[in-house]
Amino acid sequence: MGVPELLESASLLVPEDTATENDITVRDIWDYLVHDEWEIALGLLEELGDAHSLPLAFWEQLAEAAEQLRLERSATWCHWRCSEIRNGVIRADLTLRPATEARRTTPIGSGVLRPMWDIGHHSPTGGRAVSIARLWIENMTLLEPGGQATVRLVPLTPSHWTHVQPGQQITMHEDRTVAGTAVILEVHRPATAMPAR
């Protein structure tokens, strides 16, 4: 499928009464599609998807359209949202340790890092066991050492994270030392793939 067909197909997965914070609806997006304003339509569809729970097929179609339009950041975000639907997502407030107190001296970027997290599991010998989750920083491109941001975590093994609850504190590790501390804000379990309409 080409970009117009992908965006049209994705827009059909959005309920008609769904609107962005600026009251943009699917009908408004169709106006952009009719006038071949594909980048604008893609951006608005992303906004609709970020504000409402939409099926995996929606994000897959947006990811493919963004790739065809060579919009790398949009494609990365849409693929990220696909992984959230498949694996679940945990939103948390993360504070990185300052560079003077931790191994990390450079900022971290969204979607690149797969740190280990101490979420309360123990190994068979009684030691600490860690679980891996990819990290996306909300509303920022980079998070500096010592900085604080709301992050989205996508577990590598979702079954390890079933006990995690809002308000719980977890620690981030890139080696044996603590790289940061996070407080869980929201937990969204993996969704079953919804069939496309």
Protein backbone atom coordinates (compact mmCIF):
# COMPACT_ATOMS: atom_id res chain seq x y z
CA MET A 1 0.00 0.00 0.00
CA GLY A 2 1.06 3.56 -0.64
CA VAL A 3 1.03 6.39 1.88
CA PRO A 4 -2.52 7.65 1.08
CA GLU A 5 -4.01 4.15 1.38
CA LEU A 6 -2.14 3.46 4.64
CA LEU A 7 -3.32 6.72 6.20
CA GLU A 8 -6.89 6.20 4.97
CA SER A 9 -6.89 2.66 6.35
CA ALA A 10 -5.50 3.85 9.71
CA SER A 11 -8.09 6.63 9.93
CA LEU A 12 -10.88 4.07 9.50
CA LEU A 13 -9.73 2.47 12.77
CA VAL A 14 -10.40 5.69 14.71
CA PRO A 15 -13.91 6.12 16.16
CA GLU A 16 -15.63 9.13 14.56
CA ASP A 17 -16.22 10.93 17.87
CA THR A 18 -12.50 10.79 18.81
CA ALA A 19 -10.79 14.19 18.92
CA THR A 20 -7.38 15.64 19.77
CA GLU A 21 -6.89 18.25 22.51
CA ASN A 22 -7.50 20.87 19.79
CA ASP A 23 -10.78 19.21 18.73
CA ILE A 24 -9.33 17.79 15.50
CA THR A 25 -11.37 14.77 14.40
CA VAL A 26 -11.05 12.08 11.76
CA ARG A 27 -13.23 14.19 9.44
CA ASP A 28 -10.63 16.98 9.64
CA ILE A 29 -7.88 14.50 8.83
CA TRP A 30 -9.78 13.32 5.75
CA ASP A 31 -9.65 16.93 4.46
CA TYR A 32 -5.85 16.80 4.69
CA LEU A 33 -5.80 13.43 2.93
CA VAL A 34 -7.96 14.72 0.08
CA HIS A 35 -5.46 17.57 -0.43
CA ASP A 36 -2.42 15.23 -0.28
CA GLU A 37 -1.21 16.78 3.01
CA TRP A 38 0.09 13.41 4.17
CA GLU A 39 2.62 14.60 6.75
CA ILE A 40 -0.01 16.73 8.49
CA ALA A 41 -2.52 13.85 8.39
CA LEU A 42 0.10 11.48 9.84
CA GLY A 43 0.92 13.88 12.67
CA LEU A 44 -2.74 14.35 13.53
CA LEU A 45 -3.38 10.60 13.46
CA GLU A 46 -0.45 10.14 15.86
CA GLU A 47 -2.05 12.73 18.18
CA LEU A 48 -5.36 10.86 18.07
CA GLY A 49 -3.59 7.60 18.83
CA ASP A 50 -1.65 9.11 21.72
CA ALA A 51 -4.86 10.40 23.31
CA HIS A 52 -6.93 7.24 22.82
CA SER A 53 -6.39 3.50 22.86
CA LEU A 54 -6.28 2.32 19.26
CA PRO A 55 -5.49 -1.14 17.84
CA LEU A 56 -2.11 -2.48 16.77
CA ALA A 57 -3.08 -2.28 13.07
CA PHE A 58 -3.50 1.51 13.42
CA TRP A 59 0.09 1.97 14.62
CA GLU A 60 1.49 -0.54 12.12
CA GLN A 61 -0.09 1.39 9.23
CA LEU A 62 1.17 4.73 10.58
CA ALA A 63 4.68 3.27 10.98
CA GLU A 64 4.71 2.07 7.38
CA ALA A 65 3.41 5.42 6.11
CA ALA A 66 6.05 7.30 8.13
CA GLU A 67 8.77 5.05 6.69
CA GLN A 68 7.57 5.70 3.14
CA LEU A 69 7.54 9.44 3.88
CA ARG A 70 11.07 9.10 5.36
CA LEU A 71 9.93 10.61 8.66
CA GLU A 72 12.35 8.75 10.91
CA ARG A 73 11.18 10.11 14.28
CA SER A 74 7.50 9.42 13.47
CA ALA A 75 8.33 5.92 12.24
CA THR A 76 10.33 5.20 15.40
CA TRP A 77 7.48 6.49 17.60
CA CYS A 78 4.85 4.42 15.76
CA HIS A 79 6.98 1.27 16.02
CA TRP A 80 7.44 2.06 19.72
CA ARG A 81 3.67 2.28 20.18
CA CYS A 82 3.33 -1.13 18.46
CA SER A 83 5.74 -2.60 21.01
CA GLU A 84 3.74 -1.02 23.86
CA ILE A 85 0.58 -2.77 22.64
CA ARG A 86 2.37 -6.12 22.28
CA ASN A 87 4.41 -6.00 25.52
CA GLY A 88 2.61 -3.48 27.74
CA VAL A 89 3.99 -0.17 28.98
CA ILE A 90 4.93 1.24 32.34
CA ARG A 91 5.04 5.02 32.75
CA ALA A 92 7.33 6.29 35.50
CA ASP A 93 9.10 9.38 36.81
CA LEU A 94 12.82 8.66 36.40
CA THR A 95 15.67 10.52 38.08
CA LEU A 96 19.14 9.70 36.80
CA ARG A 97 22.07 9.85 39.21
CA PRO A 98 24.49 12.74 38.56
CA ALA A 99 27.56 11.99 36.43
CA THR A 100 29.76 12.44 39.52
CA GLU A 101 27.93 9.55 41.27
CA ALA A 102 27.33 7.08 38.44
CA ARG A 103 29.06 5.42 35.50
CA ARG A 104 26.97 7.33 32.92
CA THR A 105 28.42 10.70 31.93
CA THR A 106 26.45 11.19 28.69
CA PRO A 107 22.74 11.81 28.11
CA ILE A 108 20.38 9.00 27.17
CA GLY A 109 18.03 9.15 24.18
CA SER A 110 14.55 7.76 23.58
CA GLY A 111 14.13 4.21 22.36
CA VAL A 112 17.84 3.39 22.31
CA LEU A 113 18.65 2.22 25.83
CA ARG A 114 17.58 -1.18 27.20
CA PRO A 115 18.61 -0.88 30.83
CA MET A 116 18.18 -3.47 33.56
CA TRP A 117 15.63 -2.75 36.28
CA ASP A 118 15.46 -3.99 39.85
CA ILE A 119 11.71 -4.50 40.22
CA GLY A 120 11.86 -6.68 43.33
CA HIS A 121 12.70 -10.12 41.96
CA HIS A 122 15.28 -12.42 43.52
CA SER A 123 17.46 -15.07 41.92
CA PRO A 124 17.28 -18.73 43.06
CA THR A 125 20.27 -18.04 45.31
CA GLY A 126 18.51 -15.10 46.96
CA GLY A 127 20.42 -12.31 45.20
CA ARG A 128 18.91 -9.50 43.21
CA ALA A 129 17.48 -10.41 39.80
CA VAL A 130 16.93 -7.71 37.20
CA SER A 131 14.54 -7.42 34.26
CA ILE A 132 15.14 -5.54 31.02
CA ALA A 133 12.87 -2.85 29.59
CA ARG A 134 13.41 -0.43 26.72
CA LEU A 135 13.13 3.23 27.67
CA TRP A 136 11.45 6.19 25.92
CA ILE A 137 11.66 9.69 27.37
CA GLU A 138 8.41 11.66 27.10
CA ASN A 139 8.52 15.22 25.74
CA MET A 140 12.34 15.30 25.54
CA THR A 141 14.94 14.12 23.09
CA LEU A 142 17.70 13.53 25.66
CA LEU A 143 17.91 13.10 29.43
CA GLU A 144 21.14 14.32 31.01
CA PRO A 145 22.80 12.61 34.00
CA GLY A 146 21.18 14.03 37.13
CA GLY A 147 18.05 14.91 35.13
CA GLN A 148 14.46 13.92 35.73
CA ALA A 149 11.73 13.02 33.22
CA THR A 150 8.62 10.94 32.72
CA VAL A 151 9.57 7.80 30.84
CA ARG A 152 7.82 4.89 29.17
CA LEU A 153 9.20 1.40 29.75
CA VAL A 154 8.46 -1.52 27.44
CA PRO A 155 9.37 -4.82 29.15
CA LEU A 156 11.42 -7.36 27.21
CA THR A 157 9.62 -10.11 29.17
CA PRO A 158 6.17 -8.77 30.18
CA SER A 159 5.51 -11.66 32.60
CA HIS A 160 8.35 -10.38 34.84
CA TRP A 161 6.48 -7.10 35.36
CA THR A 162 2.99 -8.31 36.35
CA HIS A 163 3.45 -7.37 40.03
CA VAL A 164 4.55 -3.77 39.33
CA GLN A 165 2.06 -1.19 40.67
CA PRO A 166 1.70 2.62 40.62
CA GLY A 167 3.62 4.22 43.48
CA GLN A 168 6.27 1.48 43.52
CA GLN A 169 9.92 2.57 43.35
CA ILE A 170 12.28 0.67 41.04
CA THR A 171 15.95 1.19 40.21
CA MET A 172 17.68 1.38 36.85
CA HIS A 173 21.04 -0.30 36.25
CA GLU A 174 23.49 -0.26 33.38
CA ASP A 175 25.99 -2.24 35.44
CA ARG A 176 25.99 -3.32 39.12
CA THR A 177 25.60 0.26 40.32
CA VAL A 178 22.31 2.19 40.45
CA ALA A 179 22.01 4.51 37.43
CA GLY A 180 18.65 5.98 38.38
CA THR A 181 15.50 5.66 40.45
CA ALA A 182 11.95 5.62 39.09
CA VAL A 183 8.51 5.80 40.67
CA ILE A 184 5.79 3.98 38.74
CA LEU A 185 2.93 6.22 37.56
CA GLU A 186 0.83 3.87 35.38
CA VAL A 187 0.88 0.25 34.31
CA HIS A 188 -0.75 -0.91 31.07
CA ARG A 189 -0.69 -4.65 30.45
CA PRO A 190 -0.12 -6.11 26.96
CA ALA A 191 -3.21 -5.93 24.79
CA THR A 192 -4.51 -8.72 22.65
CA ALA A 193 -4.30 -7.73 19.01
CA MET A 194 -7.63 -6.33 17.88
CA PRO A 195 -8.77 -7.32 14.41
CA ALA A 196 -8.82 -4.58 11.81
CA ARG A 197 -12.23 -3.37 10.67
